[in-house]
């Protein structure tokens, strides 16, 4: 059943940087309305005084309250996403879940199963799909302008140091953060999967160079693999870059040409040389999310909220559905299964 009322009503759990971003983008949309907020911290510590809506300090309390809403936006630590998605679905709410959808494929599967049971939608937030270079490269790959795909290299080199990890107790925790690929770089693994499909024959090396007292997992990795659909690829990543983010890039080599999309947030076409093809002028990319001491991926959340509203009103389909969210988790889980192993999986 589609939502026929003028406004789609949202409630948000988690009122940190991303939760406030969701609230702002919902409020800016003429067909969206924030009707409830939830966080374990007191409201006066969160900087949300401009939202005159009921505030709760537990999700259970909010779900059991008499506020009426259509969509639960989950903007909490990664390790809570599955549990809170299941609770929202139990109360027959559509779900908008920040990345990653969960930390295990089993958990993500339980969310998909529950959503099917209660006939509700699960939207996974992967806003980098809306960046103009991403939209463009998706189109030329689908139209086979590259020919056969030979090689794909994904590079993600960011800074995450004491300024980042010491502000929140959950960041760097295996239980609630999950790992660098989940928290920092799942957006880019999503783009790779969106463009080229699943991977196999994975090999990987990991290291923790300078985060020994900050995180419970690796800060850097080198991963190589083959694509199920043909061609080979690699992911090289690190959060040990000094002082500020350096690069998020993807290089694609095909039988008819090559492209590199780079910049700090995979937001600039830096090289394009394809047979009988001229690069069109692309719209400007959105700036990165600015969190003060560090920056994150592109600020495209308004597109996400617009897609949620249009889908629930029957005007479009989900831009990143739950199965795609699960596949990103599945790929990361298979990569991480190789830690402390030398065998190829």
Protein backbone atom coordinates (compact mmCIF):
# COMPACT_ATOMS: atom_id res chain seq x y z
CA UNK A 1 0.00 0.00 0.00
CA UNK A 2 1.32 3.41 -0.96
CA UNK A 3 1.18 6.41 1.35
CA UNK A 4 -1.55 8.76 0.13
CA UNK A 5 -1.32 11.47 2.79
CA UNK A 6 0.40 14.70 1.79
CA UNK A 7 3.42 14.13 4.02
CA UNK A 8 5.44 11.03 4.82
CA UNK A 9 6.14 11.00 8.56
CA UNK A 10 9.62 10.03 9.81
CA UNK A 11 11.03 9.21 13.23
CA UNK A 12 14.79 9.07 13.74
CA UNK A 13 16.79 6.96 16.18
CA UNK A 14 20.31 8.28 16.65
CA UNK A 15 20.76 12.06 16.69
CA UNK A 16 24.49 12.41 15.99
CA UNK A 17 25.94 13.96 12.84
CA UNK A 18 24.15 11.63 10.44
CA UNK A 19 20.85 11.62 12.34
CA UNK A 20 20.77 15.41 12.25
CA UNK A 21 21.56 15.27 8.54
CA UNK A 22 18.55 13.00 8.01
CA UNK A 23 16.33 15.33 10.03
CA UNK A 24 17.49 18.37 8.04
CA UNK A 25 16.91 16.70 4.66
CA UNK A 26 13.46 15.43 5.71
CA UNK A 27 12.46 18.91 6.93
CA UNK A 28 13.61 20.49 3.67
CA UNK A 29 11.43 18.15 1.62
CA UNK A 30 7.87 19.55 1.30
CA UNK A 31 6.48 16.01 1.45
CA UNK A 32 8.48 14.93 4.51
CA UNK A 33 7.98 15.58 8.20
CA UNK A 34 10.02 14.67 11.29
CA UNK A 35 7.60 13.67 14.05
CA UNK A 36 9.88 11.98 16.59
CA UNK A 37 13.53 11.81 17.68
CA UNK A 38 15.37 9.29 19.83
CA UNK A 39 18.84 9.09 21.35
CA UNK A 40 20.36 7.66 24.52
CA UNK A 41 21.87 11.07 25.30
CA UNK A 42 19.75 13.85 26.85
CA UNK A 43 18.16 16.15 24.29
CA UNK A 44 20.01 19.24 25.56
CA UNK A 45 23.34 17.61 24.60
CA UNK A 46 22.41 16.86 21.00
CA UNK A 47 21.86 20.22 19.29
CA UNK A 48 18.34 19.37 18.13
CA UNK A 49 16.40 22.10 19.95
CA UNK A 50 15.09 23.44 16.64
CA UNK A 51 12.93 20.29 16.26
CA UNK A 52 9.76 20.75 18.29
CA UNK A 53 8.77 17.08 18.30
CA UNK A 54 8.54 14.37 20.97
CA UNK A 55 11.95 13.12 22.14
CA UNK A 56 12.67 9.67 23.57
CA UNK A 57 15.74 8.07 25.13
CA UNK A 58 14.90 4.53 24.03
CA UNK A 59 13.65 3.08 20.76
CA UNK A 60 11.17 0.85 22.57
CA UNK A 61 9.65 3.89 24.23
CA UNK A 62 9.28 5.68 20.92
CA UNK A 63 7.76 2.68 19.15
CA UNK A 64 5.26 2.13 21.96
CA UNK A 65 4.28 5.81 22.11
CA UNK A 66 1.20 7.28 20.48
CA UNK A 67 3.10 9.25 17.82
CA UNK A 68 2.11 8.18 14.33
CA UNK A 69 4.86 7.72 11.76
CA UNK A 70 5.53 5.79 8.57
CA UNK A 71 9.31 5.46 8.46
CA UNK A 72 11.98 4.71 11.08
CA UNK A 73 15.39 6.15 10.19
CA UNK A 74 18.22 4.23 11.88
CA UNK A 75 21.29 6.41 12.39
CA UNK A 76 22.93 4.58 15.28
CA UNK A 77 26.19 2.58 15.66
CA UNK A 78 26.57 -0.20 13.06
CA UNK A 79 26.17 -3.03 15.55
CA UNK A 80 22.63 -1.88 16.42
CA UNK A 81 21.27 -1.67 12.88
CA UNK A 82 19.85 -5.18 12.60
CA UNK A 83 18.27 -5.23 16.06
CA UNK A 84 16.65 -1.83 15.57
CA UNK A 85 15.49 -2.61 12.03
CA UNK A 86 13.75 -5.73 13.33
CA UNK A 87 12.07 -3.73 16.09
CA UNK A 88 10.84 -1.12 13.64
CA UNK A 89 9.50 -3.77 11.29
CA UNK A 90 7.74 -5.49 14.20
CA UNK A 91 5.80 -2.24 14.62
CA UNK A 92 5.03 -2.15 10.87
CA UNK A 93 7.35 0.75 10.03
CA UNK A 94 9.28 1.17 6.81
CA UNK A 95 13.03 1.31 7.49
CA UNK A 96 15.74 3.69 6.30
CA UNK A 97 19.02 2.22 7.53
CA UNK A 98 22.37 3.99 7.40
CA UNK A 99 25.29 1.95 6.10
CA UNK A 100 26.06 -0.80 6.73
CA UNK A 101 22.75 -2.64 6.83
CA UNK A 102 24.32 -4.91 9.48
CA UNK A 103 27.58 -6.56 10.43
CA UNK A 104 26.66 -10.10 9.32
CA UNK A 105 24.82 -11.55 6.35
CA UNK A 106 22.75 -13.63 8.76
CA UNK A 107 21.53 -10.49 10.49
CA UNK A 108 20.70 -8.80 7.18
CA UNK A 109 18.81 -11.89 6.02
CA UNK A 110 16.68 -11.77 9.17
CA UNK A 111 15.74 -8.15 8.37
CA UNK A 112 14.79 -9.03 4.78
CA UNK A 113 12.70 -11.98 5.97
CA UNK A 114 10.86 -9.80 8.49
CA UNK A 115 10.26 -7.04 5.95
CA UNK A 116 8.67 -9.55 3.58
CA UNK A 117 6.49 -10.88 6.40
CA UNK A 118 5.10 -7.44 7.25
CA UNK A 119 5.12 -6.03 3.68
CA UNK A 120 7.37 -3.08 4.50
CA UNK A 121 10.28 -1.54 2.61
CA UNK A 122 13.91 -1.41 3.76
CA UNK A 123 15.98 1.43 2.25
CA UNK A 124 19.76 1.19 2.61
CA UNK A 125 21.59 4.51 2.60
CA UNK A 126 24.30 4.47 -0.07
CA UNK A 127 24.24 8.10 -1.12
CA UNK A 128 27.40 7.96 -3.25
CA UNK A 129 25.32 6.38 -6.01
CA UNK A 130 23.86 9.85 -6.61
CA UNK A 131 27.19 11.58 -7.30
CA UNK A 132 27.31 12.73 -10.95
CA UNK A 133 30.42 10.64 -11.79
CA UNK A 134 28.71 7.54 -10.33
CA UNK A 135 25.54 8.12 -12.34
CA UNK A 136 27.62 8.67 -15.48
CA UNK A 137 29.88 5.63 -15.09
CA UNK A 138 26.89 3.39 -14.36
CA UNK A 139 25.30 4.44 -17.64
CA UNK A 140 28.35 3.82 -19.81
CA UNK A 141 29.02 0.43 -18.21
CA UNK A 142 25.40 -0.66 -18.72
CA UNK A 143 25.65 0.46 -22.36
CA UNK A 144 28.89 -1.58 -22.72
CA UNK A 145 30.84 1.43 -23.96
CA UNK A 146 33.94 0.02 -22.21
CA UNK A 147 33.65 -3.30 -24.00
CA UNK A 148 34.95 -6.14 -21.82
CA UNK A 149 36.06 -5.21 -18.31
CA UNK A 150 39.68 -6.22 -17.69
CA UNK A 151 40.69 -4.58 -14.41
CA UNK A 152 39.14 -2.48 -11.65
CA UNK A 153 41.17 -0.87 -8.88
CA UNK A 154 39.49 0.78 -5.89
CA UNK A 155 41.72 2.99 -3.71
CA UNK A 156 40.50 4.49 -0.43
CA UNK A 157 43.05 6.45 1.58
CA UNK A 158 41.60 8.47 4.46
CA UNK A 159 42.59 9.93 7.80
CA UNK A 160 40.92 8.67 10.95
CA UNK A 161 42.96 9.38 14.07
CA UNK A 162 42.46 10.31 17.74
CA UNK A 163 40.26 13.24 16.74
CA UNK A 164 37.79 10.77 15.28
CA UNK A 165 37.92 7.72 17.52
CA UNK A 166 38.06 9.32 20.94
CA UNK A 167 34.84 11.29 20.44
CA UNK A 168 32.58 8.24 20.39
CA UNK A 169 33.08 5.11 22.44
CA UNK A 170 31.52 2.85 19.78
CA UNK A 171 33.92 3.83 16.99
CA UNK A 172 36.77 1.36 16.76
CA UNK A 173 34.82 -1.34 18.61
CA UNK A 174 34.46 -4.68 16.86
CA UNK A 175 30.97 -5.12 18.33
CA UNK A 176 29.49 -1.77 17.31
CA UNK A 177 31.80 -0.48 14.55
CA UNK A 178 32.75 -3.78 12.90
CA UNK A 179 35.78 -2.69 10.91
CA UNK A 180 37.21 -0.10 8.53
CA UNK A 181 35.48 -1.58 5.48
CA UNK A 182 32.11 -1.38 7.22
CA UNK A 183 32.34 2.14 8.62
CA UNK A 184 34.60 4.10 6.27
CA UNK A 185 34.56 2.33 2.92
CA UNK A 186 31.33 0.36 2.48
CA UNK A 187 30.03 3.19 0.23
CA UNK A 188 32.79 2.48 -2.27
CA UNK A 189 32.39 -1.29 -2.10
CA UNK A 190 28.71 -0.65 -2.83
CA UNK A 191 29.65 1.40 -5.92
CA UNK A 192 31.96 -1.40 -7.10
CA UNK A 193 29.24 -4.04 -6.60
CA UNK A 194 26.62 -1.78 -8.23
CA UNK A 195 28.81 -1.41 -11.30
CA UNK A 196 30.46 -4.80 -11.70
CA UNK A 197 28.62 -7.37 -9.57
CA UNK A 198 29.86 -9.95 -7.11
CA UNK A 199 33.43 -11.08 -6.50
CA UNK A 200 35.17 -14.44 -5.99
CA UNK A 201 38.67 -15.90 -5.47
CA UNK A 202 39.45 -13.36 -2.75
CA UNK A 203 42.95 -12.88 -1.33
CA UNK A 204 43.80 -10.28 1.30
CA UNK A 205 46.39 -8.82 3.66
CA UNK A 206 45.63 -6.59 6.66
CA UNK A 207 47.60 -4.46 9.08
CA UNK A 208 47.07 -2.04 11.94
CA UNK A 209 49.85 0.49 11.48
CA UNK A 210 49.08 3.27 13.93
CA UNK A 211 45.73 2.63 15.61
CA UNK A 212 46.76 -0.01 18.16
CA UNK A 213 45.31 1.90 21.10
CA UNK A 214 42.27 3.18 19.20
CA UNK A 215 40.61 0.30 17.32
CA UNK A 216 40.07 -3.43 17.67
CA UNK A 217 40.68 -4.26 13.99
CA UNK A 218 42.84 -3.34 10.99
CA UNK A 219 43.41 0.19 9.74
CA UNK A 220 44.72 -0.89 6.31
CA UNK A 221 44.27 -3.67 3.79
CA UNK A 222 45.11 -4.93 0.30
CA UNK A 223 42.45 -7.16 -1.29
CA UNK A 224 42.50 -8.84 -4.70
CA UNK A 225 39.81 -10.89 -6.42
CA UNK A 226 38.08 -11.86 -9.65
CA UNK A 227 34.65 -10.61 -10.67
CA UNK A 228 31.99 -13.26 -11.22
CA UNK A 229 31.05 -11.44 -14.44
CA UNK A 230 34.65 -11.38 -15.73
CA UNK A 231 37.75 -9.32 -15.09
CA UNK A 232 39.82 -8.88 -11.97
CA UNK A 233 39.94 -6.25 -9.28
CA UNK A 234 41.57 -4.96 -6.14
CA UNK A 235 40.79 -2.80 -3.12
CA UNK A 236 43.58 -0.89 -1.40
CA UNK A 237 42.53 1.01 1.70
CA UNK A 238 43.85 2.75 4.79
CA UNK A 239 42.78 5.16 7.51
CA UNK A 240 46.43 5.81 8.43
CA UNK A 241 46.87 8.77 6.07
CA UNK A 242 48.34 11.68 8.04
CA UNK A 243 46.15 14.66 8.96
CA UNK A 244 43.42 14.60 6.30
CA UNK A 245 41.72 12.41 3.68
CA UNK A 246 43.79 11.83 0.55
CA UNK A 247 41.85 9.88 -2.06
CA UNK A 248 38.87 7.71 -2.93
CA UNK A 249 39.24 6.54 -6.52
CA UNK A 250 38.23 3.86 -8.95
CA UNK A 251 40.24 3.00 -12.08
CA UNK A 252 38.56 0.92 -14.79
CA UNK A 253 40.42 -0.65 -17.71
CA UNK A 254 38.33 -2.19 -20.48
CA UNK A 255 38.86 -3.47 -24.01
CA UNK A 256 37.68 -0.16 -25.52
CA UNK A 257 39.04 2.37 -23.05
CA UNK A 258 39.96 3.44 -19.53
CA UNK A 259 38.57 5.78 -16.88
CA UNK A 260 39.70 7.03 -13.49
CA UNK A 261 37.26 8.69 -11.12
CA UNK A 262 39.15 10.23 -8.22
CA UNK A 263 39.32 13.13 -5.82
CA UNK A 264 39.00 12.72 -2.08
CA UNK A 265 35.48 11.26 -2.38
CA UNK A 266 35.32 9.68 -5.85
CA UNK A 267 33.74 12.86 -7.12
CA UNK A 268 35.91 13.89 -10.09
CA UNK A 269 36.52 12.29 -13.49
CA UNK A 270 40.30 12.54 -13.70
CA UNK A 271 40.90 10.45 -16.84
CA UNK A 272 38.63 9.31 -19.64
CA UNK A 273 39.91 7.83 -22.89
CA UNK A 274 37.37 5.59 -24.63
CA UNK A 275 37.10 4.64 -28.30
CA UNK A 276 34.67 6.90 -30.23
CA UNK A 277 33.45 8.57 -27.03
CA UNK A 278 33.60 12.13 -25.70
CA UNK A 279 33.15 12.78 -21.99
CA UNK A 280 30.04 14.94 -21.49
CA UNK A 281 29.99 17.85 -19.07
CA UNK A 282 28.77 16.48 -15.76
CA UNK A 283 26.82 18.42 -13.09
CA UNK A 284 28.93 19.55 -10.10
CA UNK A 285 29.26 17.01 -7.29
CA UNK A 286 27.94 17.74 -3.81
CA UNK A 287 30.56 18.63 -1.19
CA UNK A 288 31.68 16.08 1.38
CA UNK A 289 29.93 15.79 4.73
CA UNK A 290 31.96 18.03 7.05
CA UNK A 291 32.17 16.86 10.67
CA UNK A 292 34.71 19.41 11.89
CA UNK A 293 37.88 17.41 12.52
CA UNK A 294 37.22 15.03 9.64
CA UNK A 295 35.17 14.67 6.47
CA UNK A 296 33.08 11.84 5.08
CA UNK A 297 31.42 10.87 1.82
CA UNK A 298 29.33 13.12 -0.41
CA UNK A 299 26.45 15.06 1.10
CA UNK A 300 23.75 13.44 -1.03
CA UNK A 301 21.24 12.55 1.69
CA UNK A 302 18.57 14.79 0.16
CA UNK A 303 18.48 12.40 -2.81
CA UNK A 304 18.05 9.46 -0.42
CA UNK A 305 15.09 11.06 1.37
CA UNK A 306 13.56 12.08 -1.95
CA UNK A 307 13.82 8.47 -3.16
CA UNK A 308 12.19 7.17 0.04
CA UNK A 309 9.24 9.55 -0.35
CA UNK A 310 8.82 8.91 -4.08
CA UNK A 311 8.97 5.15 -3.56
CA UNK A 312 6.42 5.15 -0.72
CA UNK A 313 4.12 7.32 -2.84
CA UNK A 314 4.43 4.94 -5.80
CA UNK A 315 6.42 7.24 -8.08
CA UNK A 316 9.74 5.36 -8.18
CA UNK A 317 11.61 2.30 -6.96
CA UNK A 318 14.22 1.96 -4.21
CA UNK A 319 17.66 3.22 -5.22
CA UNK A 320 19.46 0.79 -2.86
CA UNK A 321 17.28 -2.11 -1.76
CA UNK A 322 17.83 -4.53 1.11
CA UNK A 323 19.30 -7.28 -1.09
CA UNK A 324 21.95 -4.86 -2.33
CA UNK A 325 22.64 -3.78 1.24
CA UNK A 326 23.05 -7.43 2.19
CA UNK A 327 25.48 -8.07 -0.69
CA UNK A 328 27.79 -5.27 0.47
CA UNK A 329 27.84 -6.85 3.94
CA UNK A 330 28.39 -10.28 2.41
CA UNK A 331 31.39 -9.06 0.38
CA UNK A 332 32.96 -7.39 3.43
CA UNK A 333 32.28 -10.44 5.59
CA UNK A 334 34.01 -12.71 3.04
CA UNK A 335 37.01 -10.36 2.86
CA UNK A 336 37.30 -10.25 6.65
CA UNK A 337 37.02 -14.03 6.88
CA UNK A 338 40.55 -14.11 5.44
CA UNK A 339 42.16 -12.38 8.39
CA UNK A 340 44.98 -14.52 9.81
CA UNK A 341 44.56 -16.98 6.90
CA UNK A 342 46.70 -17.60 3.85
CA UNK A 343 44.22 -19.67 1.87
CA UNK A 344 42.10 -18.18 -0.93
CA UNK A 345 38.36 -18.30 -0.44
